[in-house]
Amino acid sequence: MLMLPAAPMTRLLAGADHSRTRRQILTLTTPASLGVYPVLTIPDELLGGRVRVGFQFIAARGAEWRLVELATRLAESRPTPGCTR
């Protein structure tokens, strides 16, 4: 699995002009998409929230299960606000 930046920010404002931001995001995400690799994209808050970017985890073709496992572990390790277990 490979971890790379996916976006130069963690959130987009609704209704704002994102034409410049879109180009930046596509520059980071297009190679994995064109290579037909499975990708999980997450905000940095799930990894501690220190760098204020989005990350993408890229798995080998046919290894989508690794991304599902990672997403499950991240979800289980971080409590959801307002939910109790």
N, C-alpha and C. Protein backbone atom coordinates (compact mmCIF):
# COMPACT_ATOMS: atom_id res chain seq x y z
N MET A 1 0.85 -1.16 0.00
CA MET A 1 0.00 0.00 0.00
C MET A 1 0.90 1.23 0.00
N LEU A 2 0.43 2.26 -0.69
CA LEU A 2 1.18 3.50 -0.82
C LEU A 2 0.32 4.64 -0.29
N MET A 3 0.91 5.52 0.50
CA MET A 3 0.19 6.69 1.02
C MET A 3 0.76 7.94 0.38
N LEU A 4 -0.12 8.73 -0.25
CA LEU A 4 0.29 9.96 -0.93
C LEU A 4 -0.69 11.08 -0.61
N PRO A 5 -0.29 12.34 -0.79
CA PRO A 5 -1.26 13.42 -0.63
C PRO A 5 -2.33 13.32 -1.72
N ALA A 6 -3.55 13.71 -1.37
CA ALA A 6 -4.65 13.66 -2.35
C ALA A 6 -5.25 15.04 -2.61
N ALA A 7 -5.09 15.93 -1.64
CA ALA A 7 -5.67 17.27 -1.78
C ALA A 7 -4.88 18.24 -0.92
N PRO A 8 -4.72 19.46 -1.40
CA PRO A 8 -3.97 20.46 -0.63
C PRO A 8 -4.80 21.11 0.47
N MET A 9 -5.92 20.49 0.83
CA MET A 9 -6.78 20.99 1.89
C MET A 9 -7.62 19.83 2.40
N THR A 10 -8.33 20.05 3.51
CA THR A 10 -9.18 18.98 4.04
C THR A 10 -10.65 19.20 3.74
N ARG A 11 -11.05 20.42 3.44
CA ARG A 11 -12.47 20.69 3.18
C ARG A 11 -12.62 21.69 2.04
N LEU A 12 -13.74 21.55 1.32
CA LEU A 12 -14.11 22.51 0.28
C LEU A 12 -15.38 23.20 0.73
N LEU A 13 -15.47 24.50 0.54
CA LEU A 13 -16.65 25.25 0.92
C LEU A 13 -17.72 25.12 -0.17
N ALA A 14 -18.93 24.83 0.23
CA ALA A 14 -20.04 24.72 -0.71
C ALA A 14 -20.28 26.07 -1.38
N GLY A 15 -20.47 26.04 -2.68
CA GLY A 15 -20.77 27.25 -3.43
C GLY A 15 -19.56 28.08 -3.83
N ALA A 16 -18.38 27.74 -3.36
CA ALA A 16 -17.17 28.50 -3.71
C ALA A 16 -16.63 28.05 -5.07
N ASP A 17 -15.82 28.90 -5.68
CA ASP A 17 -15.17 28.55 -6.95
C ASP A 17 -13.97 27.66 -6.64
N HIS A 18 -14.02 26.43 -7.10
CA HIS A 18 -12.95 25.48 -6.83
C HIS A 18 -12.16 25.11 -8.08
N SER A 19 -12.19 25.96 -9.11
CA SER A 19 -11.51 25.62 -10.36
C SER A 19 -10.00 25.46 -10.16
N ARG A 20 -9.37 26.31 -9.39
CA ARG A 20 -7.92 26.18 -9.13
C ARG A 20 -7.64 24.96 -8.26
N THR A 21 -8.44 24.79 -7.23
CA THR A 21 -8.28 23.66 -6.32
C THR A 21 -8.48 22.35 -7.06
N ARG A 22 -9.46 22.31 -7.96
CA ARG A 22 -9.73 21.09 -8.73
C ARG A 22 -8.50 20.65 -9.52
N ARG A 23 -7.82 21.60 -10.14
CA ARG A 23 -6.60 21.26 -10.89
C ARG A 23 -5.54 20.67 -9.96
N GLN A 24 -5.41 21.24 -8.75
CA GLN A 24 -4.42 20.73 -7.79
C GLN A 24 -4.78 19.30 -7.35
N ILE A 25 -6.05 19.07 -7.09
CA ILE A 25 -6.50 17.73 -6.68
C ILE A 25 -6.27 16.73 -7.80
N LEU A 26 -6.64 17.09 -9.02
CA LEU A 26 -6.47 16.17 -10.15
C LEU A 26 -5.01 15.85 -10.42
N THR A 27 -4.12 16.81 -10.19
CA THR A 27 -2.69 16.56 -10.36
C THR A 27 -2.23 15.45 -9.41
N LEU A 28 -2.79 15.42 -8.22
CA LEU A 28 -2.39 14.43 -7.22
C LEU A 28 -3.11 13.09 -7.38
N THR A 29 -4.34 13.10 -7.86
CA THR A 29 -5.13 11.86 -7.88
C THR A 29 -5.21 11.16 -9.23
N THR A 30 -4.93 11.86 -10.31
CA THR A 30 -5.07 11.27 -11.64
C THR A 30 -4.16 10.06 -11.88
N PRO A 31 -2.89 10.06 -11.46
CA PRO A 31 -2.05 8.89 -11.76
C PRO A 31 -2.63 7.57 -11.25
N ALA A 32 -3.12 7.53 -10.03
CA ALA A 32 -3.71 6.28 -9.51
C ALA A 32 -4.98 5.94 -10.25
N SER A 33 -5.78 6.94 -10.58
CA SER A 33 -7.03 6.69 -11.30
C SER A 33 -6.77 6.13 -12.69
N LEU A 34 -5.82 6.72 -13.39
CA LEU A 34 -5.51 6.23 -14.74
C LEU A 34 -4.87 4.84 -14.70
N GLY A 35 -4.17 4.54 -13.61
CA GLY A 35 -3.57 3.22 -13.46
C GLY A 35 -4.56 2.17 -13.01
N VAL A 36 -5.80 2.58 -12.76
CA VAL A 36 -6.89 1.70 -12.33
C VAL A 36 -6.54 1.00 -11.02
N TYR A 37 -5.97 1.76 -10.10
CA TYR A 37 -5.65 1.23 -8.77
C TYR A 37 -6.77 1.61 -7.81
N PRO A 38 -7.11 0.75 -6.87
CA PRO A 38 -8.11 1.12 -5.87
C PRO A 38 -7.51 2.13 -4.89
N VAL A 39 -8.32 3.12 -4.52
CA VAL A 39 -7.84 4.22 -3.68
C VAL A 39 -8.84 4.51 -2.57
N LEU A 40 -8.33 4.77 -1.39
CA LEU A 40 -9.12 5.26 -0.26
C LEU A 40 -8.59 6.65 0.06
N THR A 41 -9.46 7.65 0.05
CA THR A 41 -9.06 9.02 0.34
C THR A 41 -9.66 9.44 1.67
N ILE A 42 -8.83 10.02 2.53
CA ILE A 42 -9.30 10.41 3.86
C ILE A 42 -8.73 11.79 4.23
N PRO A 43 -9.44 12.52 5.09
CA PRO A 43 -8.88 13.78 5.59
C PRO A 43 -7.81 13.48 6.63
N ASP A 44 -6.90 14.41 6.81
CA ASP A 44 -5.82 14.17 7.76
C ASP A 44 -6.29 14.10 9.21
N GLU A 45 -7.51 14.56 9.50
CA GLU A 45 -8.03 14.45 10.86
C GLU A 45 -8.03 13.00 11.35
N LEU A 46 -8.21 12.06 10.42
CA LEU A 46 -8.22 10.65 10.80
C LEU A 46 -6.82 10.14 11.14
N LEU A 47 -5.80 10.93 10.80
CA LEU A 47 -4.42 10.53 11.09
C LEU A 47 -3.77 11.46 12.11
N GLY A 48 -4.55 12.24 12.78
CA GLY A 48 -4.02 13.15 13.79
C GLY A 48 -4.21 14.61 13.48
N GLY A 49 -4.52 14.95 12.23
CA GLY A 49 -4.85 16.32 11.86
C GLY A 49 -3.76 17.34 11.99
N ARG A 50 -2.54 17.02 11.66
CA ARG A 50 -1.43 17.97 11.84
C ARG A 50 -1.04 18.74 10.58
N VAL A 51 -1.29 18.18 9.41
CA VAL A 51 -0.77 18.81 8.20
C VAL A 51 -1.83 19.47 7.33
N ARG A 52 -3.09 19.25 7.63
CA ARG A 52 -4.21 19.91 6.93
C ARG A 52 -4.27 19.62 5.43
N VAL A 53 -4.11 18.39 5.07
CA VAL A 53 -4.28 17.95 3.69
C VAL A 53 -5.10 16.67 3.69
N GLY A 54 -5.54 16.27 2.51
CA GLY A 54 -6.19 14.98 2.37
C GLY A 54 -5.17 13.96 1.90
N PHE A 55 -5.34 12.72 2.30
CA PHE A 55 -4.43 11.65 1.90
C PHE A 55 -5.14 10.59 1.09
N GLN A 56 -4.40 9.93 0.23
CA GLN A 56 -4.93 8.79 -0.48
C GLN A 56 -4.05 7.58 -0.21
N PHE A 57 -4.69 6.47 0.04
CA PHE A 57 -4.01 5.19 0.20
C PHE A 57 -4.29 4.42 -1.07
N ILE A 58 -3.24 3.99 -1.74
CA ILE A 58 -3.38 3.28 -3.01
C ILE A 58 -2.95 1.83 -2.80
N ALA A 59 -3.83 0.91 -3.18
CA ALA A 59 -3.54 -0.51 -3.05
C ALA A 59 -3.27 -1.12 -4.42
N ALA A 60 -2.74 -2.31 -4.41
CA ALA A 60 -2.51 -3.03 -5.66
C ALA A 60 -3.85 -3.41 -6.28
N ARG A 61 -3.88 -3.56 -7.59
CA ARG A 61 -5.10 -4.02 -8.25
C ARG A 61 -5.52 -5.35 -7.64
N GLY A 62 -6.81 -5.47 -7.34
CA GLY A 62 -7.32 -6.69 -6.75
C GLY A 62 -7.19 -6.74 -5.23
N ALA A 63 -6.61 -5.71 -4.63
CA ALA A 63 -6.40 -5.70 -3.19
C ALA A 63 -7.28 -4.65 -2.50
N GLU A 64 -8.49 -4.46 -3.03
CA GLU A 64 -9.42 -3.51 -2.42
C GLU A 64 -9.67 -3.85 -0.96
N TRP A 65 -9.62 -5.13 -0.64
CA TRP A 65 -9.87 -5.58 0.73
C TRP A 65 -8.91 -4.92 1.72
N ARG A 66 -7.70 -4.62 1.28
CA ARG A 66 -6.75 -3.94 2.17
C ARG A 66 -7.24 -2.54 2.54
N LEU A 67 -7.85 -1.86 1.58
CA LEU A 67 -8.38 -0.52 1.85
C LEU A 67 -9.60 -0.60 2.76
N VAL A 68 -10.43 -1.62 2.56
CA VAL A 68 -11.59 -1.80 3.44
C VAL A 68 -11.12 -2.08 4.86
N GLU A 69 -10.10 -2.92 5.00
CA GLU A 69 -9.53 -3.19 6.33
C GLU A 69 -9.00 -1.91 6.98
N LEU A 70 -8.27 -1.11 6.22
CA LEU A 70 -7.73 0.14 6.74
C LEU A 70 -8.86 1.08 7.16
N ALA A 71 -9.87 1.23 6.33
CA ALA A 71 -10.99 2.11 6.65
C ALA A 71 -11.70 1.64 7.92
N THR A 72 -11.85 0.34 8.06
CA THR A 72 -12.49 -0.21 9.26
C THR A 72 -11.66 0.09 10.49
N ARG A 73 -10.34 -0.12 10.41
CA ARG A 73 -9.47 0.17 11.56
C ARG A 73 -9.49 1.64 11.93
N LEU A 74 -9.49 2.51 10.93
CA LEU A 74 -9.53 3.95 11.21
C LEU A 74 -10.86 4.33 11.86
N ALA A 75 -11.95 3.78 11.37
CA ALA A 75 -13.27 4.09 11.93
C ALA A 75 -13.38 3.58 13.37
N GLU A 76 -12.84 2.41 13.63
CA GLU A 76 -12.93 1.85 14.96
C GLU A 76 -12.03 2.55 15.96
N SER A 77 -10.96 3.15 15.49
CA SER A 77 -10.00 3.80 16.40
C SER A 77 -10.39 5.24 16.73
N ARG A 78 -11.38 5.75 16.07
CA ARG A 78 -11.78 7.14 16.29
C ARG A 78 -13.26 7.19 16.63
N PRO A 79 -13.60 7.64 17.84
CA PRO A 79 -15.01 7.70 18.21
C PRO A 79 -15.78 8.73 17.37
N THR A 80 -16.99 8.40 17.03
CA THR A 80 -17.85 9.31 16.28
C THR A 80 -18.52 10.26 17.28
N PRO A 81 -18.45 11.57 17.05
CA PRO A 81 -19.09 12.51 17.98
C PRO A 81 -20.57 12.19 18.14
N GLY A 82 -21.04 12.16 19.38
CA GLY A 82 -22.45 11.93 19.64
C GLY A 82 -22.86 10.47 19.68
N CYS A 83 -21.92 9.56 19.39
CA CYS A 83 -22.24 8.12 19.42
C CYS A 83 -21.57 7.46 20.61
N THR A 84 -22.26 6.50 21.17
CA THR A 84 -21.66 5.71 22.24
C THR A 84 -21.62 4.27 21.78
N ARG A 85 -20.65 3.54 22.28
CA ARG A 85 -20.53 2.13 21.88
C ARG A 85 -20.97 1.25 23.00
